[in-house]
Structure formats: structure tokens, C-alpha cells
């Protein structure tokens, strides 16, 4: 039971981290693109 809870929390954390990294990457790419256009 404890193991399943640990796995569930781990997957949640990984998903949040992946979304955070992806969001930051998209934001940085957008900023770089704007700088390139200017």
C-alpha cells in the first residue's frame, strides 16, 4: 500500500516537472524568436 502511494506521488512529481520544463522551454524559445526578429 505504501509502495503504491509512493509510486503515485512520484508520477505526479514527474508530470509536474515535465510540464514545468516544457513550459519554460516554450517560453525561452518564444523570447529567443522575438529577439531574433528584432
N, C-alpha and C. Protein backbone atom coordinates (compact mmCIF):
# COMPACT_ATOMS: atom_id res chain seq x y z
N UNK A 1 0.84 -1.20 0.00
CA UNK A 1 0.00 0.00 0.00
C UNK A 1 0.88 1.26 0.00
N UNK A 2 1.85 1.29 0.89
CA UNK A 2 2.76 2.43 0.97
C UNK A 2 3.54 2.60 -0.33
N UNK A 3 3.94 1.48 -0.92
CA UNK A 3 4.70 1.50 -2.17
C UNK A 3 3.89 2.12 -3.30
N UNK A 4 2.61 1.73 -3.37
CA UNK A 4 1.74 2.27 -4.42
C UNK A 4 1.57 3.78 -4.27
N UNK A 5 1.44 4.23 -3.03
CA UNK A 5 1.30 5.66 -2.76
C UNK A 5 2.57 6.40 -3.19
N UNK A 6 3.70 5.80 -2.90
CA UNK A 6 4.99 6.39 -3.27
C UNK A 6 5.11 6.52 -4.79
N UNK A 7 4.73 5.46 -5.50
CA UNK A 7 4.77 5.47 -6.97
C UNK A 7 3.84 6.55 -7.52
N UNK A 8 2.64 6.65 -6.94
CA UNK A 8 1.66 7.64 -7.38
C UNK A 8 2.21 9.06 -7.21
N UNK A 9 2.78 9.34 -6.05
CA UNK A 9 3.36 10.66 -5.78
C UNK A 9 4.53 10.93 -6.72
N UNK A 10 5.35 9.93 -6.96
CA UNK A 10 6.49 10.06 -7.85
C UNK A 10 6.05 10.42 -9.26
N UNK A 11 5.01 9.75 -9.75
CA UNK A 11 4.49 10.03 -11.09
C UNK A 11 3.92 11.44 -11.17
N UNK A 12 3.25 11.86 -10.11
CA UNK A 12 2.69 13.22 -10.07
C UNK A 12 3.81 14.25 -10.16
N UNK A 13 4.86 14.03 -9.38
CA UNK A 13 6.00 14.95 -9.36
C UNK A 13 6.68 14.99 -10.73
N UNK A 14 6.87 13.84 -11.34
CA UNK A 14 7.49 13.78 -12.66
C UNK A 14 6.66 14.54 -13.68
N UNK A 15 5.34 14.38 -13.61
CA UNK A 15 4.45 15.05 -14.55
C UNK A 15 4.53 16.56 -14.37
N UNK A 16 4.55 17.02 -13.13
CA UNK A 16 4.64 18.45 -12.84
C UNK A 16 5.98 19.00 -13.33
N UNK A 17 7.05 18.27 -13.08
CA UNK A 17 8.38 18.69 -13.53
C UNK A 17 8.44 18.76 -15.05
N UNK A 18 7.88 17.77 -15.72
CA UNK A 18 7.87 17.73 -17.19
C UNK A 18 7.10 18.92 -17.76
N UNK A 19 5.95 19.22 -17.16
CA UNK A 19 5.15 20.36 -17.62
C UNK A 19 5.92 21.66 -17.39
N UNK A 20 6.56 21.78 -16.23
CA UNK A 20 7.32 22.98 -15.89
C UNK A 20 8.48 23.20 -16.86
N UNK A 21 9.23 22.14 -17.15
CA UNK A 21 10.36 22.22 -18.09
C UNK A 21 9.86 22.58 -19.48
N UNK A 22 8.78 21.92 -19.91
CA UNK A 22 8.22 22.16 -21.24
C UNK A 22 7.75 23.60 -21.37
N UNK A 23 7.07 24.11 -20.33
CA UNK A 23 6.57 25.49 -20.33
C UNK A 23 7.74 26.48 -20.42
N UNK A 24 8.77 26.25 -19.62
CA UNK A 24 9.93 27.13 -19.63
C UNK A 24 10.64 27.09 -20.98
N UNK A 25 10.74 25.91 -21.58
CA UNK A 25 11.39 25.76 -22.87
C UNK A 25 10.63 26.53 -23.95
N UNK A 26 9.30 26.40 -23.94
CA UNK A 26 8.48 27.10 -24.93
C UNK A 26 8.62 28.61 -24.74
N UNK A 27 8.62 29.06 -23.50
CA UNK A 27 8.74 30.48 -23.18
C UNK A 27 10.09 31.01 -23.66
N UNK A 28 11.16 30.28 -23.39
CA UNK A 28 12.50 30.70 -23.79
C UNK A 28 12.63 30.75 -25.30
N UNK A 29 12.03 29.76 -25.97
CA UNK A 29 12.08 29.71 -27.43
C UNK A 29 11.35 30.91 -28.01
N UNK A 30 10.21 31.27 -27.40
CA UNK A 30 9.43 32.42 -27.84
C UNK A 30 10.23 33.70 -27.67
N UNK A 31 10.91 33.82 -26.55
CA UNK A 31 11.73 35.00 -26.28
C UNK A 31 12.89 35.09 -27.26
N UNK A 32 13.53 33.97 -27.52
CA UNK A 32 14.64 33.95 -28.47
C UNK A 32 14.17 34.33 -29.86
N UNK A 33 12.99 33.85 -30.22
CA UNK A 33 12.42 34.15 -31.54
C UNK A 33 12.14 35.65 -31.67
N UNK A 34 11.61 36.24 -30.60
CA UNK A 34 11.33 37.68 -30.62
C UNK A 34 12.61 38.50 -30.71
N UNK A 35 13.62 38.07 -29.98
CA UNK A 35 14.92 38.75 -30.02
C UNK A 35 15.50 38.64 -31.44
N UNK A 36 15.35 37.47 -32.05
CA UNK A 36 15.85 37.24 -33.41
C UNK A 36 15.13 38.13 -34.42
N UNK A 37 13.82 38.29 -34.25
CA UNK A 37 13.05 39.15 -35.15
C UNK A 37 13.46 40.61 -35.01
N UNK A 38 13.73 41.04 -33.79
CA UNK A 38 14.14 42.42 -33.55
C UNK A 38 15.61 42.56 -33.96
